[in-house]
Amino acid sequence: MSTPVEFDPASHPGLAWSVAMQSQLDDQVQCFAIADAGGGLVAIANISNENAVITGTPGELRKLKAAFAAGQYDHLIGA
């Protein structure tokens, strides 16, 4: 389940951002946010760095999801 979050990076203003989870330690959001960027694109942002926003198509994100599920990036995320 996602939760709406107030986040308005200058490079992608006016999008409706949401996060997958929130920090249980201090109630501050500390993760990635995602939004429909229009034009068939999805935006993903590091909520702690408004300059770190990328966009991709749903197909590209499905490929990334499959790569994570297959363990291709386990060495990067300490899994």
Protein backbone atom coordinates (compact mmCIF):
# COMPACT_ATOMS: atom_id res chain seq x y z
CA MET A 1 0.00 0.00 0.00
CA SER A 2 1.26 3.48 -0.76
CA THR A 3 0.88 6.66 1.24
CA PRO A 4 0.64 10.16 -0.29
CA VAL A 5 3.54 12.40 0.68
CA GLU A 6 4.20 16.11 0.29
CA PHE A 7 7.17 16.30 -2.03
CA ASP A 8 7.61 18.84 -4.82
CA PRO A 9 11.01 18.72 -6.51
CA ALA A 10 11.68 21.69 -8.79
CA SER A 11 12.49 19.39 -11.70
CA HIS A 12 9.07 17.67 -11.51
CA PRO A 13 6.59 20.13 -9.92
CA GLY A 14 2.97 19.37 -9.24
CA LEU A 15 3.11 15.57 -9.28
CA ALA A 16 1.15 13.43 -6.81
CA TRP A 17 3.93 11.55 -5.02
CA SER A 18 3.45 8.53 -2.78
CA VAL A 19 5.75 6.32 -0.73
CA ALA A 20 5.63 2.61 0.02
CA MET A 21 6.55 2.96 3.68
CA GLN A 22 7.49 5.47 6.35
CA SER A 23 10.17 5.36 9.01
CA GLN A 24 8.93 3.92 12.29
CA LEU A 25 11.63 5.71 14.27
CA ASP A 26 10.74 9.37 13.87
CA ASP A 27 7.75 9.55 11.52
CA GLN A 28 9.88 11.17 8.80
CA VAL A 29 9.70 9.71 5.32
CA GLN A 30 13.03 8.13 4.44
CA CYS A 31 12.69 6.18 1.22
CA PHE A 32 11.81 6.54 -2.42
CA ALA A 33 8.70 8.24 -3.74
CA ILE A 34 6.93 7.42 -6.97
CA ALA A 35 4.55 9.42 -9.17
CA ASP A 36 2.81 9.36 -12.53
CA ALA A 37 4.89 11.83 -14.53
CA GLY A 38 2.48 11.95 -17.47
CA GLY A 39 3.28 11.12 -21.05
CA GLY A 40 3.52 7.42 -20.22
CA LEU A 41 6.34 7.95 -17.72
CA VAL A 42 6.73 7.12 -14.05
CA ALA A 43 8.98 9.24 -11.81
CA ILE A 44 11.00 7.80 -8.94
CA ALA A 45 12.71 10.11 -6.46
CA ASN A 46 14.93 9.87 -3.42
CA ILE A 47 12.77 11.73 -0.91
CA SER A 48 15.92 12.95 0.90
CA ASN A 49 17.37 14.52 -2.26
CA GLU A 50 14.96 16.37 -4.52
CA ASN A 51 17.64 16.46 -7.25
CA ALA A 52 17.62 12.66 -7.48
CA VAL A 53 14.61 12.06 -9.75
CA ILE A 54 14.54 9.59 -12.63
CA THR A 55 11.79 8.72 -15.05
CA GLY A 56 11.09 5.56 -16.98
CA THR A 57 8.32 3.80 -18.79
CA PRO A 58 6.24 1.17 -17.00
CA GLY A 59 7.98 -1.45 -19.18
CA GLU A 60 11.41 -0.28 -18.07
CA LEU A 61 10.31 -0.38 -14.45
CA ARG A 62 8.95 -3.92 -14.90
CA LYS A 63 12.38 -4.98 -16.20
CA LEU A 64 14.05 -3.36 -13.18
CA LYS A 65 11.57 -5.07 -10.84
CA ALA A 66 12.34 -8.43 -12.46
CA ALA A 67 16.08 -7.81 -12.10
CA PHE A 68 15.65 -7.09 -8.38
CA ALA A 69 13.43 -10.17 -7.98
CA ALA A 70 16.06 -12.30 -9.72
CA GLY A 71 18.71 -11.10 -7.28
CA GLN A 72 20.80 -9.27 -9.88
CA TYR A 73 21.38 -6.35 -7.51
CA ASP A 74 21.61 -8.19 -4.20
CA HIS A 75 25.29 -7.26 -3.95
CA LEU A 76 24.34 -3.57 -4.01
CA ILE A 77 21.57 -3.70 -1.42
CA GLY A 78 23.27 -6.02 1.03
CA ALA A 79 20.78 -8.84 0.61
